[in-house]
C-alpha atoms as a PDB file:
ATOM      1  CA  UNK A   1     -14.645 -11.934 -10.985  1.00  0.00           C
ATOM      2  CA  UNK A   2     -16.673  -8.802 -11.245  1.00  0.00           C
ATOM      3  CA  UNK A   3     -19.300  -7.849  -8.732  1.00  0.00           C
ATOM      4  CA  UNK A   4     -22.126  -8.917 -11.034  1.00  0.00           C
ATOM      5  CA  UNK A   5     -20.616 -12.255 -12.079  1.00  0.00           C
ATOM      6  CA  UNK A   6     -20.756 -13.887  -8.622  1.00  0.00           C
ATOM      7  CA  UNK A   7     -24.525 -13.547  -8.093  1.00  0.00           C
ATOM      8  CA  UNK A   8     -25.219 -14.775 -11.630  1.00  0.00           C
ATOM      9  CA  UNK A   9     -22.841 -17.731 -11.216  1.00  0.00           C
ATOM     10  CA  UNK A  10     -24.348 -18.560  -7.814  1.00  0.00           C
ATOM     11  CA  UNK A  11     -27.879 -18.555  -9.217  1.00  0.00           C
ATOM     12  CA  UNK A  12     -26.760 -20.744 -12.127  1.00  0.00           C
ATOM     13  CA  UNK A  13     -25.069 -23.246  -9.807  1.00  0.00           C
ATOM     14  CA  UNK A  14     -28.100 -23.351  -7.512  1.00  0.00           C
ATOM     15  CA  UNK A  15     -30.432 -23.910 -10.476  1.00  0.00           C
ATOM     16  CA  UNK A  16     -28.198 -26.715 -11.755  1.00  0.00           C
ATOM     17  CA  UNK A  17     -28.121 -28.415  -8.332  1.00  0.00           C
ATOM     18  CA  UNK A  18     -31.905 -28.211  -8.051  1.00  0.00           C
ATOM     19  CA  UNK A  19     -32.362 -29.534 -11.601  1.00  0.00           C
ATOM     20  CA  UNK A  20     -30.049 -32.497 -10.979  1.00  0.00           C
ATOM     21  CA  UNK A  21     -31.819 -33.254  -7.690  1.00  0.00           C
ATOM     22  CA  UNK A  22     -35.240 -33.212  -9.348  1.00  0.00           C
ATOM     23  CA  UNK A  23     -34.058 -35.519 -12.144  1.00  0.00           C
ATOM     24  CA  UNK A  24     -32.494 -37.988  -9.688  1.00  0.00           C
ATOM     25  CA  UNK A  25     -35.571 -38.065  -7.443  1.00  0.00           C
ATOM     26  CA  UNK A  26     -37.872 -38.432 -10.475  1.00  0.00           C
ATOM     27  CA  UNK A  27     -35.804 -41.319 -11.860  1.00  0.00           C
ATOM     28  CA  UNK A  28     -35.645 -43.021  -8.453  1.00  0.00           C
ATOM     29  CA  UNK A  29     -39.417 -42.811  -7.957  1.00  0.00           C
ATOM     30  CA  UNK A  30     -40.041 -43.997 -11.523  1.00  0.00           C
ATOM     31  CA  UNK A  31     -37.754 -47.020 -11.051  1.00  0.00           C
ATOM     32  CA  UNK A  32     -39.322 -47.809  -7.689  1.00  0.00           C
ATOM     33  CA  UNK A  33     -42.846 -47.786  -9.170  1.00  0.00           C
ATOM     34  CA  UNK A  34     -41.808 -50.039 -12.057  1.00  0.00           C
ATOM     35  CA  UNK A  35     -40.324 -52.606  -9.675  1.00  0.00           C
ATOM     36  CA  UNK A  36     -36.768 -52.104 -10.945  1.00  0.00           C
ATOM     37  CA  UNK A  37     -34.263 -52.971  -8.182  1.00  0.00           C
ATOM     38  CA  UNK A  38     -32.325 -49.964  -6.911  1.00  0.00           C
ATOM     39  CA  UNK A  39     -29.061 -51.889  -6.537  1.00  0.00           C
ATOM     40  CA  UNK A  40     -28.198 -55.510  -7.020  1.00  0.00           C
ATOM     41  CA  UNK A  41     -25.069 -57.283  -5.789  1.00  0.00           C
ATOM     42  CA  UNK A  42     -23.090 -56.522  -8.940  1.00  0.00           C
ATOM     43  CA  UNK A  43     -23.915 -52.813  -8.822  1.00  0.00           C
ATOM     44  CA  UNK A  44     -22.995 -52.594  -5.153  1.00  0.00           C
ATOM     45  CA  UNK A  45     -19.655 -54.323  -5.777  1.00  0.00           C
ATOM     46  CA  UNK A  46     -19.015 -52.138  -8.822  1.00  0.00           C
ATOM     47  CA  UNK A  47     -19.702 -48.938  -6.837  1.00  0.00           C
ATOM     48  CA  UNK A  48     -17.542 -50.151  -3.945  1.00  0.00           C
ATOM     49  CA  UNK A  49     -14.594 -50.943  -6.197  1.00  0.00           C
ATOM     50  CA  UNK A  50     -14.868 -47.660  -8.130  1.00  0.00           C
ATOM     51  CA  UNK A  51     -15.167 -45.587  -4.943  1.00  0.00           C
ATOM     52  CA  UNK A  52     -12.226 -47.426  -3.350  1.00  0.00           C
ATOM     53  CA  UNK A  53      -9.901 -46.548  -6.220  1.00  0.00           C
ATOM     54  CA  UNK A  54     -11.330 -43.031  -6.643  1.00  0.00           C
ATOM     55  CA  UNK A  55     -10.665 -42.280  -2.973  1.00  0.00           C
ATOM     56  CA  UNK A  56      -6.999 -43.162  -3.408  1.00  0.00           C
ATOM     57  CA  UNK A  57      -6.748 -41.155  -6.623  1.00  0.00           C
ATOM     58  CA  UNK A  58      -8.149 -38.111  -4.822  1.00  0.00           C
ATOM     59  CA  UNK A  59      -5.779 -38.587  -1.895  1.00  0.00           C
ATOM     60  CA  UNK A  60      -2.766 -38.959  -4.194  1.00  0.00           C
ATOM     61  CA  UNK A  61      -3.798 -35.790  -6.015  1.00  0.00           C
ATOM     62  CA  UNK A  62      -3.951 -33.875  -2.716  1.00  0.00           C
ATOM     63  CA  UNK A  63      -0.572 -35.268  -1.610  1.00  0.00           C
ATOM     64  CA  UNK A  64       0.977 -34.273  -4.966  1.00  0.00           C
ATOM     65  CA  UNK A  65      -0.455 -30.768  -4.595  1.00  0.00           C
ATOM     66  CA  UNK A  66       0.892 -30.424  -1.058  1.00  0.00           C
ATOM     67  CA  UNK A  67       4.349 -31.678  -2.053  1.00  0.00           C
ATOM     68  CA  UNK A  68       4.392 -29.354  -5.071  1.00  0.00           C
ATOM     69  CA  UNK A  69       3.439 -26.450  -2.828  1.00  0.00           C
ATOM     70  CA  UNK A  70       6.053 -27.272  -0.163  1.00  0.00           C
ATOM     71  CA  UNK A  71       8.901 -27.948  -2.607  1.00  0.00           C
ATOM     72  CA  UNK A  72       8.061 -24.917  -4.710  1.00  0.00           C
ATOM     73  CA  UNK A  73       7.934 -22.629  -1.706  1.00  0.00           C
ATOM     74  CA  UNK A  74      11.030 -23.957   0.079  1.00  0.00           C
ATOM     75  CA  UNK A  75      13.416 -24.603  -2.817  1.00  0.00           C
ATOM     76  CA  UNK A  76      12.229 -22.342  -5.641  1.00  0.00           C
ATOM     77  CA  UNK A  77      10.721 -19.403  -3.682  1.00  0.00           C
ATOM     78  CA  UNK A  78       7.379 -19.789  -5.427  1.00  0.00           C
ATOM     79  CA  UNK A  79       4.394 -18.070  -3.825  1.00  0.00           C
ATOM     80  CA  UNK A  80       1.998 -20.305  -1.920  1.00  0.00           C
ATOM     81  CA  UNK A  81      -1.173 -21.152  -3.796  1.00  0.00           C
ATOM     82  CA  UNK A  82      -4.350 -20.326  -1.899  1.00  0.00           C
ATOM     83  CA  UNK A  83      -6.360 -23.376  -0.871  1.00  0.00           C
ATOM     84  CA  UNK A  84      -9.657 -22.733  -2.692  1.00  0.00           C
ATOM     85  CA  UNK A  85      -8.911 -23.747  -6.269  1.00  0.00           C
ATOM     86  CA  UNK A  86      -6.768 -26.826  -5.474  1.00  0.00           C
ATOM     87  CA  UNK A  87      -9.499 -28.174  -3.201  1.00  0.00           C
ATOM     88  CA  UNK A  88     -12.058 -27.708  -5.968  1.00  0.00           C
ATOM     89  CA  UNK A  89      -9.659 -29.471  -8.331  1.00  0.00           C
ATOM     90  CA  UNK A  90      -9.226 -32.344  -5.837  1.00  0.00           C
ATOM     91  CA  UNK A  91     -12.993 -32.707  -5.579  1.00  0.00           C
ATOM     92  CA  UNK A  92     -13.312 -32.751  -9.361  1.00  0.00           C
ATOM     93  CA  UNK A  93     -10.492 -35.307  -9.714  1.00  0.00           C
ATOM     94  CA  UNK A  94     -12.002 -37.701  -7.181  1.00  0.00           C
ATOM     95  CA  UNK A  95     -15.545 -37.296  -8.538  1.00  0.00           C
ATOM     96  CA  UNK A  96     -14.582 -37.679 -12.182  1.00  0.00           C
ATOM     97  CA  UNK A  97     -12.298 -40.619 -11.426  1.00  0.00           C
ATOM     98  CA  UNK A  98     -15.214 -42.338  -9.650  1.00  0.00           C
ATOM     99  CA  UNK A  99     -17.463 -41.803 -12.656  1.00  0.00           C
ATOM    100  CA  UNK A 100     -14.817 -43.013 -15.117  1.00  0.00           C
ATOM    101  CA  UNK A 101     -13.919 -46.045 -13.007  1.00  0.00           C
ATOM    102  CA  UNK A 102     -17.568 -46.947 -12.489  1.00  0.00           C
ATOM    103  CA  UNK A 103     -18.144 -46.748 -16.235  1.00  0.00           C
ATOM    104  CA  UNK A 104     -14.983 -48.776 -16.922  1.00  0.00           C
ATOM    105  CA  UNK A 105     -15.796 -51.535 -14.424  1.00  0.00           C
ATOM    106  CA  UNK A 106     -19.374 -51.657 -15.699  1.00  0.00           C
ATOM    107  CA  UNK A 107     -18.215 -52.169 -19.288  1.00  0.00           C
ATOM    108  CA  UNK A 108     -15.486 -54.602 -18.304  1.00  0.00           C
ATOM    109  CA  UNK A 109     -18.121 -57.112 -17.240  1.00  0.00           C
ATOM    110  CA  UNK A 110     -16.122 -58.846 -14.533  1.00  0.00           C
ATOM    111  CA  UNK A 111     -15.311 -57.715 -11.043  1.00  0.00           C
END
């Protein structure tokens, strides 16, 4: 990236994090005032099941990346990929798989 792009991207990311935090805190306080329960037994079980599977999906993604890197370097003389972007990708895979699994288990209706 250019020298000017990093500060702009950093400010945008920081603003997005702050905005998401404000929305989450506002929604939590609003639900607490209305007497809405923060988490019932079904929601806790749903989150547990989704996070359990998402953790394994993230770990399998990291193992696949490491094996691809090792095999590519040793057998095909490929250059080693620096660790920054694959770790961001692993974080995105595990986070998005948690969100998708939580949505899927919530719509499925049975745990």
